[in-house]
Amino acid sequence: MNFNLSDEQKQLADAVHRFIDKDYDFETRKKGIKAEAGHSDAAWGALVELGLTALPVPEAQGGFSGTPIDMMVVMQELGRGLVVEPYFATVVAAYALKLAGGQDALLEQVAGGELKLATAFNEPHARYALNDVRVTAKGGKLNGRKVVTIHGAQAGKLVVSARTSGADADTSGISLFLVDPKAAGVSITDYRTIDNLRAADITFKDAQGELLGTEGAAFALIEQVADYAAVLLCAEAVGVIDTLNAATLEYAKTRQQFGVPIARFQALQHRMVEMFIHAEQSRSITLLAAAKFDEASPEERRRFASAAKARVGQAARSVGQEAVQIHGGMGVTDELPAAHMFKRLTLINTTFGDVDHHLSRFATQPGFLETA
């Protein structure tokens, strides 16, 4: 398998890289965070102008039919800039609409940057079990509660999982619905997460939803969407890790102790080498998961996605902790970008499954344990 990026992918990475360097510095990010919506409309417009909202959308709906590797390239650069705009939430929900079918008009709006989306899969009791759905839907009326919906309050449409039949934890009987967040019966509580993104808790009381796909048969689609989201998060984490490693090395070269830069201390050199190894291993496993995503069987897709999410989660925690320790007390202050990177890595690890969840999921996939 060829793991080299194409010329087009390199050009895409360079374009996003230049945008981050020129127009999305740390101070610009902080201004966006303080805005009422929690992000900058100007920055969102720049992402649209770069064609990033159109990238994952099929060509028939005005997009570029971007592959998971194309999306990986973009997410790495957005991670480098700690971008807080609702790009990740929108493209993941757009992927769900593409799989479900029948939503060409909405996908065209996504491609043009006119519509932001969010997926509402999380429930208070379920942790990472996507099949444990207690929001119910009868006659298209949804009742129940979703929590920690990333950029849920900023979305123009919500993609919501709901149970139309079966018991709480059955994989059958789960359906997907498209819900207008401004519709009657939808109540949204918006809040800021510790990494300065936005999330929302959403309550449905006889809220009208539009069925996506086949009723009661959405679980396989939801799993595929969650795996897609996991791979994108891994790519974002790689970008954050790269930037945090560079910031830590630069700090170690300038911070002096006993009359010399602390970068000259062998013990710290060993620790920074370990941070670099974590970054390279994360990059490799993420590239593998992205490259295999579309061509793999469902079992292989789950295996690669979980392997990547688990390994990247381990790396994110290790690199984040080492960076904070090497920075000393400054490493946990909001004035320093390193603290924001550590927080973002922490939230990435707990979004769409943490290390323990994905290690367990990986181990239960067919072929992991061979029986005599």
Protein backbone atom coordinates (compact mmCIF):
# COMPACT_ATOMS: atom_id res chain seq x y z
CA MET A 1 0.00 0.00 0.00
CA ASN A 2 1.27 3.48 -0.91
CA PHE A 3 1.19 5.70 2.17
CA ASN A 4 2.53 8.80 0.38
CA LEU A 5 0.17 11.73 0.03
CA SER A 6 -0.79 12.74 -3.49
CA ASP A 7 0.22 16.14 -4.88
CA GLU A 8 -3.38 17.35 -4.45
CA GLN A 9 -3.44 16.27 -0.81
CA LYS A 10 -0.12 18.03 -0.17
CA GLN A 11 -1.49 21.20 -1.76
CA LEU A 12 -4.63 20.95 0.38
CA ALA A 13 -2.52 20.56 3.52
CA ASP A 14 -0.37 23.53 2.53
CA ALA A 15 -3.45 25.71 1.94
CA VAL A 16 -4.94 24.94 5.35
CA HIS A 17 -1.48 25.28 6.94
CA ARG A 18 -1.11 28.80 5.50
CA PHE A 19 -4.57 29.77 6.75
CA ILE A 20 -3.71 28.63 10.28
CA ASP A 21 -0.36 30.45 10.24
CA LYS A 22 -1.68 33.69 8.76
CA ASP A 23 -5.23 34.07 10.01
CA TYR A 24 -5.79 31.74 12.97
CA ASP A 25 -3.22 32.44 15.66
CA PHE A 26 -3.78 31.87 19.37
CA GLU A 27 -5.19 35.35 19.95
CA THR A 28 -7.67 34.98 17.08
CA ARG A 29 -8.83 31.68 18.57
CA LYS A 30 -9.40 33.30 21.96
CA LYS A 31 -11.54 36.03 20.38
CA GLY A 32 -13.66 33.39 18.68
CA ILE A 33 -14.15 31.55 21.95
CA LYS A 34 -15.51 34.71 23.58
CA ALA A 35 -18.09 35.23 20.81
CA GLU A 36 -21.71 34.39 21.59
CA ALA A 37 -21.68 31.37 19.28
CA GLY A 38 -18.30 30.21 20.60
CA HIS A 39 -16.55 30.60 17.27
CA SER A 40 -15.73 33.15 14.58
CA ASP A 41 -18.02 33.63 11.58
CA ALA A 42 -15.02 34.97 9.67
CA ALA A 43 -13.03 31.82 10.38
CA TRP A 44 -15.97 29.66 9.33
CA GLY A 45 -16.18 31.65 6.11
CA ALA A 46 -12.49 31.03 5.50
CA LEU A 47 -12.99 27.26 5.91
CA VAL A 48 -15.83 27.45 3.38
CA GLU A 49 -13.70 29.48 0.96
CA LEU A 50 -10.94 26.88 1.20
CA GLY A 51 -13.49 24.27 0.12
CA LEU A 52 -13.29 22.32 3.36
CA THR A 53 -17.05 22.10 3.91
CA ALA A 54 -17.44 20.79 0.35
CA LEU A 55 -14.58 18.32 0.68
CA PRO A 56 -16.49 15.29 2.12
CA VAL A 57 -19.70 15.98 0.19
CA PRO A 58 -20.32 13.92 -2.99
CA GLU A 59 -19.69 15.66 -6.31
CA ALA A 60 -23.37 15.25 -7.24
CA GLN A 61 -24.24 17.57 -4.35
CA GLY A 62 -21.61 20.18 -5.15
CA GLY A 63 -18.74 18.67 -3.19
CA PHE A 64 -15.40 17.07 -3.94
CA SER A 65 -16.07 13.48 -2.77
CA GLY A 66 -13.10 13.68 -0.40
CA THR A 67 -11.69 10.41 0.93
CA PRO A 68 -10.94 9.69 4.59
CA ILE A 69 -7.26 10.44 3.83
CA ASP A 70 -8.26 13.84 2.41
CA MET A 71 -10.18 14.49 5.62
CA MET A 72 -7.23 13.26 7.70
CA VAL A 73 -4.98 15.83 6.02
CA VAL A 74 -7.42 18.62 6.85
CA MET A 75 -8.08 17.53 10.43
CA GLN A 76 -4.36 17.37 11.21
CA GLU A 77 -3.96 21.00 10.18
CA LEU A 78 -7.10 22.10 12.05
CA GLY A 79 -5.75 20.31 15.10
CA ARG A 80 -2.51 22.22 14.76
CA GLY A 81 -4.50 25.44 15.01
CA LEU A 82 -6.85 24.23 17.78
CA VAL A 83 -9.74 25.33 15.58
CA VAL A 84 -12.98 25.76 17.55
CA GLU A 85 -15.35 26.22 14.60
CA PRO A 86 -18.04 23.48 14.23
CA TYR A 87 -16.30 21.79 11.29
CA PHE A 88 -15.87 18.34 12.84
CA ALA A 89 -19.49 18.19 14.02
CA THR A 90 -20.76 19.27 10.61
CA VAL A 91 -18.75 16.84 8.46
CA VAL A 92 -19.53 13.87 10.71
CA ALA A 93 -23.26 14.57 10.53
CA ALA A 94 -22.95 15.17 6.77
CA TYR A 95 -21.36 11.72 6.47
CA ALA A 96 -24.43 10.29 8.23
CA LEU A 97 -26.73 12.07 5.76
CA LYS A 98 -24.69 10.73 2.84
CA LEU A 99 -24.96 7.15 4.12
CA ALA A 100 -28.68 7.47 4.86
CA GLY A 101 -29.43 8.95 1.43
CA GLY A 102 -32.23 11.19 0.28
CA GLN A 103 -30.82 14.45 1.64
CA ASP A 104 -29.22 15.96 -1.44
CA ALA A 105 -30.52 19.47 -0.78
CA LEU A 106 -29.07 19.56 2.73
CA LEU A 107 -25.72 18.22 1.55
CA GLU A 108 -25.61 20.99 -1.04
CA GLN A 109 -26.12 23.51 1.77
CA VAL A 110 -23.33 21.88 3.77
CA ALA A 111 -20.99 22.05 0.78
CA GLY A 112 -21.71 25.76 0.41
CA GLY A 113 -21.16 26.43 4.10
CA GLU A 114 -24.76 27.54 4.56
CA LEU A 115 -25.68 24.76 6.98
CA LYS A 116 -23.99 23.49 10.13
CA LEU A 117 -24.91 20.07 11.49
CA ALA A 118 -24.44 17.98 14.63
CA THR A 119 -24.94 14.35 15.63
CA ALA A 120 -26.88 13.64 18.82
CA PHE A 121 -25.94 10.07 19.77
CA ASN A 122 -24.87 10.38 23.44
CA GLU A 123 -27.27 9.61 26.29
CA PRO A 124 -26.71 10.16 30.04
CA HIS A 125 -26.62 6.50 31.04
CA ALA A 126 -25.00 4.94 27.98
CA ARG A 127 -21.37 6.11 28.14
CA TYR A 128 -20.01 4.91 24.75
CA ALA A 129 -22.64 2.25 24.00
CA LEU A 130 -24.29 3.56 20.84
CA ASN A 131 -26.89 0.77 20.99
CA ASP A 132 -28.13 1.78 24.46
CA VAL A 133 -30.75 4.21 23.16
CA ARG A 134 -33.63 5.37 25.34
CA VAL A 135 -34.78 8.36 23.34
CA THR A 136 -37.95 7.03 21.74
CA ALA A 137 -39.69 7.87 18.49
CA LYS A 138 -43.29 6.98 17.78
CA GLY A 139 -45.02 8.36 14.73
CA GLY A 140 -42.02 10.60 14.13
CA LYS A 141 -42.35 12.21 17.59
CA LEU A 142 -39.16 12.08 19.67
CA ASN A 143 -39.03 11.97 23.46
CA GLY A 144 -35.98 11.75 25.70
CA ARG A 145 -32.63 13.39 26.27
CA LYS A 146 -29.26 13.55 24.52
CA VAL A 147 -26.15 14.93 26.21
CA VAL A 148 -22.76 16.38 25.22
CA THR A 149 -23.81 16.96 21.64
CA ILE A 150 -20.78 18.69 20.16
CA HIS A 151 -21.84 22.06 18.69
CA GLY A 152 -25.46 21.04 19.08
CA ALA A 153 -26.62 24.59 19.74
CA GLN A 154 -24.76 25.91 16.69
CA ALA A 155 -26.31 23.38 14.30
CA GLY A 156 -29.09 24.17 11.84
CA LYS A 157 -30.11 20.49 11.80
CA LEU A 158 -29.54 17.61 14.22
CA VAL A 159 -29.01 13.95 13.30
CA VAL A 160 -30.53 12.04 16.23
CA SER A 161 -30.58 8.35 17.10
CA ALA A 162 -33.87 7.14 18.60
CA ARG A 163 -35.48 3.83 19.41
CA THR A 164 -38.52 2.90 17.38
CA SER A 165 -38.77 -0.70 18.66
CA GLY A 166 -37.03 -3.28 20.84
CA ALA A 167 -35.39 -3.13 24.26
CA ASP A 168 -33.02 -0.40 25.44
CA ALA A 169 -29.75 -2.10 24.43
CA ASP A 170 -30.90 -3.94 21.30
CA THR A 171 -28.96 -3.16 18.14
CA SER A 172 -32.15 -3.62 16.14
CA GLY A 173 -34.98 -1.14 16.45
CA ILE A 174 -32.74 1.98 16.33
CA SER A 175 -33.54 4.66 13.76
CA LEU A 176 -32.01 7.96 12.69
CA PHE A 177 -34.00 11.17 12.52
CA LEU A 178 -33.33 14.63 11.21
CA VAL A 179 -34.56 17.23 13.67
CA ASP A 180 -34.82 21.00 13.44
CA PRO A 181 -33.36 22.36 16.71
CA LYS A 182 -35.82 25.27 16.57
CA ALA A 183 -38.86 23.00 16.28
CA ALA A 184 -41.50 22.78 18.99
CA GLY A 185 -40.59 20.31 21.70
CA VAL A 186 -36.80 20.74 21.36
CA SER A 187 -35.00 22.29 24.33
CA ILE A 188 -31.25 22.97 24.11
CA THR A 189 -28.81 23.84 26.88
CA ASP A 190 -25.58 25.20 25.42
CA TYR A 191 -22.32 25.24 27.38
CA ARG A 192 -18.58 25.49 26.96
CA THR A 193 -16.44 22.38 27.39
CA ILE A 194 -13.05 22.45 29.13
CA ASP A 195 -11.26 22.65 25.77
CA ASN A 196 -13.29 25.78 24.87
CA LEU A 197 -15.50 24.11 22.28
CA ARG A 198 -19.28 24.11 22.69
CA ALA A 199 -21.58 21.23 23.50
CA ALA A 200 -25.27 20.95 24.29
CA ASP A 201 -27.72 18.83 26.23
CA ILE A 202 -30.93 18.39 24.23
CA THR A 203 -34.35 17.39 25.50
CA PHE A 204 -37.10 16.20 23.15
CA LYS A 205 -40.77 16.37 24.13
CA ASP A 206 -42.96 15.18 21.26
CA ALA A 207 -40.50 16.83 18.86
CA GLN A 208 -41.11 16.14 15.19
CA GLY A 209 -38.33 14.27 13.36
CA GLU A 210 -37.82 13.18 9.77
CA LEU A 211 -36.81 9.54 9.36
CA LEU A 212 -33.43 8.96 7.71
CA GLY A 213 -32.96 5.64 5.96
CA THR A 214 -34.81 2.48 6.98
CA GLU A 215 -36.73 2.47 10.25
CA GLY A 216 -35.20 0.26 12.93
CA ALA A 217 -32.08 -0.56 10.93
CA ALA A 218 -29.77 2.38 11.66
CA PHE A 219 -27.30 0.82 14.09
CA ALA A 220 -24.80 -0.32 11.45
CA LEU A 221 -24.88 3.16 9.92
CA ILE A 222 -24.41 4.79 13.35
CA GLU A 223 -21.39 2.57 14.03
CA GLN A 224 -19.86 3.51 10.69
CA VAL A 225 -20.41 7.20 11.41
CA ALA A 226 -18.82 6.80 14.85
CA ASP A 227 -15.79 5.07 13.31
CA TYR A 228 -15.48 7.88 10.77
CA ALA A 229 -15.60 10.40 13.60
CA ALA A 230 -12.98 8.45 15.55
CA VAL A 231 -10.54 8.48 12.62
CA LEU A 232 -11.03 12.23 12.13
CA LEU A 233 -10.44 12.83 15.84
CA CYS A 234 -7.24 10.77 15.66
CA ALA A 235 -6.04 12.96 12.80
CA GLU A 236 -6.86 16.12 14.76
CA ALA A 237 -5.00 14.73 17.76
CA VAL A 238 -1.90 14.10 15.62
CA GLY A 239 -1.93 17.78 14.64
CA VAL A 240 -2.27 18.86 18.27
CA ILE A 241 0.49 16.49 19.39
CA ASP A 242 2.87 17.77 16.71
CA THR A 243 2.28 21.36 17.78
CA LEU A 244 2.55 20.56 21.48
CA ASN A 245 5.82 18.71 20.91
CA ALA A 246 7.24 21.68 19.00
CA ALA A 247 6.10 24.12 21.70
CA THR A 248 7.63 21.96 24.43
CA LEU A 249 10.95 21.69 22.62
CA GLU A 250 11.05 25.44 22.04
CA TYR A 251 10.27 26.12 25.70
CA ALA A 252 12.98 23.68 26.81
CA LYS A 253 15.52 25.51 24.65
CA THR A 254 14.72 28.87 26.26
CA ARG A 255 13.96 27.95 29.88
CA GLN A 256 17.16 27.95 31.91
CA GLN A 257 18.01 26.13 35.10
CA PHE A 258 21.43 26.07 36.77
CA GLY A 259 22.64 28.44 34.08
CA VAL A 260 21.83 26.23 31.08
CA PRO A 261 18.72 25.53 28.94
CA ILE A 262 16.77 22.59 30.37
CA ALA A 263 16.82 21.05 26.87
CA ARG A 264 20.42 20.07 27.62
CA PHE A 265 19.38 17.81 30.51
CA GLN A 266 19.59 14.23 29.35
CA ALA A 267 16.56 13.09 31.35
CA LEU A 268 14.37 15.67 29.60
CA GLN A 269 15.86 14.78 26.23
CA HIS A 270 14.80 11.16 26.77
CA ARG A 271 11.28 12.27 27.65
CA MET A 272 11.00 14.50 24.58
CA VAL A 273 12.20 11.63 22.38
CA GLU A 274 9.40 9.51 23.82
CA MET A 275 6.96 12.29 22.95
CA PHE A 276 8.25 12.27 19.37
CA ILE A 277 7.84 8.48 19.16
CA HIS A 278 4.25 8.79 20.38
CA ALA A 279 3.60 11.32 17.60
CA GLU A 280 5.03 9.13 14.86
CA GLN A 281 3.20 6.01 16.01
CA SER A 282 -0.05 7.99 16.18
CA ARG A 283 0.49 9.34 12.70
CA SER A 284 1.14 5.86 11.29
CA ILE A 285 -1.86 4.15 12.86
CA THR A 286 -4.16 7.05 11.88
CA LEU A 287 -2.99 6.91 8.28
CA LEU A 288 -3.60 3.15 8.23
CA ALA A 289 -7.12 3.54 9.62
CA ALA A 290 -7.93 6.30 7.11
CA ALA A 291 -6.45 4.40 4.16
CA LYS A 292 -8.38 1.22 4.99
CA PHE A 293 -11.65 2.89 5.96
CA ASP A 294 -13.56 2.73 2.67
CA GLU A 295 -12.20 -0.58 1.40
CA ALA A 296 -12.31 -2.65 4.59
CA SER A 297 -15.09 -4.97 5.70
CA PRO A 298 -17.15 -3.72 8.67
CA GLU A 299 -15.13 -5.96 11.01
CA GLU A 300 -11.81 -4.67 9.65
CA ARG A 301 -13.04 -1.08 9.74
CA ARG A 302 -13.98 -1.43 13.39
CA ARG A 303 -10.62 -3.04 14.17
CA PHE A 304 -8.56 -0.33 12.46
CA ALA A 305 -10.63 2.52 13.88
CA SER A 306 -10.46 1.18 17.43
CA ALA A 307 -6.74 0.43 17.16
CA ALA A 308 -6.11 4.00 16.06
CA LYS A 309 -8.35 5.61 18.69
CA ALA A 310 -6.79 3.54 21.47
CA ARG A 311 -3.18 4.17 20.42
CA VAL A 312 -3.73 7.87 19.78
CA GLY A 313 -5.53 8.21 23.10
CA GLN A 314 -2.56 6.69 24.90
CA ALA A 315 -0.19 9.00 23.04
CA ALA A 316 -2.33 12.07 23.73
CA ARG A 317 -2.35 11.44 27.45
CA SER A 318 1.37 10.73 27.65
CA VAL A 319 2.42 13.68 25.50
CA GLY A 320 0.04 16.04 27.27
CA GLN A 321 1.25 15.09 30.72
CA GLU A 322 4.92 15.29 29.74
CA ALA A 323 4.42 18.67 28.10
CA VAL A 324 2.73 20.09 31.18
CA GLN A 325 5.49 18.78 33.45
CA ILE A 326 8.30 20.14 31.26
CA HIS A 327 6.57 23.52 31.06
CA GLY A 328 6.21 23.51 34.84
CA GLY A 329 3.52 25.70 36.40
CA MET A 330 3.11 27.62 33.14
CA GLY A 331 1.82 24.42 31.52
CA VAL A 332 -1.59 24.70 33.18
CA THR A 333 -2.24 28.43 32.69
CA ASP A 334 -4.75 29.65 30.12
CA GLU A 335 -2.22 32.20 28.90
CA LEU A 336 -0.08 29.46 27.39
CA PRO A 337 -1.24 27.51 24.29
CA ALA A 338 0.19 24.29 25.75
CA ALA A 339 -2.56 24.19 28.38
CA HIS A 340 -5.24 24.48 25.69
CA MET A 341 -3.60 21.71 23.67
CA PHE A 342 -3.56 19.41 26.70
CA LYS A 343 -7.23 20.09 27.34
CA ARG A 344 -8.15 19.45 23.71
CA LEU A 345 -6.24 16.16 23.69
CA THR A 346 -8.06 15.14 26.87
CA LEU A 347 -11.46 15.79 25.30
CA ILE A 348 -10.52 14.05 22.06
CA ASN A 349 -9.69 10.96 24.09
CA THR A 350 -13.16 10.91 25.67
CA THR A 351 -15.12 11.67 22.47
CA PHE A 352 -16.57 8.70 20.56
CA GLY A 353 -14.86 6.24 22.92
CA ASP A 354 -11.83 6.44 25.21
CA VAL A 355 -8.78 4.15 25.32
CA ASP A 356 -10.39 1.47 27.50
CA HIS A 357 -13.53 1.37 25.35
CA HIS A 358 -11.62 0.94 22.11
CA LEU A 359 -9.15 -1.59 23.51
CA SER A 360 -12.12 -3.68 24.64
CA ARG A 361 -13.85 -3.24 21.27
CA PHE A 362 -10.67 -4.16 19.40
CA ALA A 363 -10.27 -7.32 21.44
CA THR A 364 -13.81 -8.49 20.66
CA GLN A 365 -13.46 -8.22 16.88
CA PRO A 366 -13.38 -11.49 14.89
CA GLY A 367 -9.89 -12.92 14.47
CA PHE A 368 -8.33 -11.30 17.55
CA LEU A 369 -8.43 -14.51 19.56
CA GLU A 370 -7.90 -17.68 17.60
CA THR A 371 -9.38 -20.80 19.15
CA ALA A 372 -7.87 -24.26 18.64
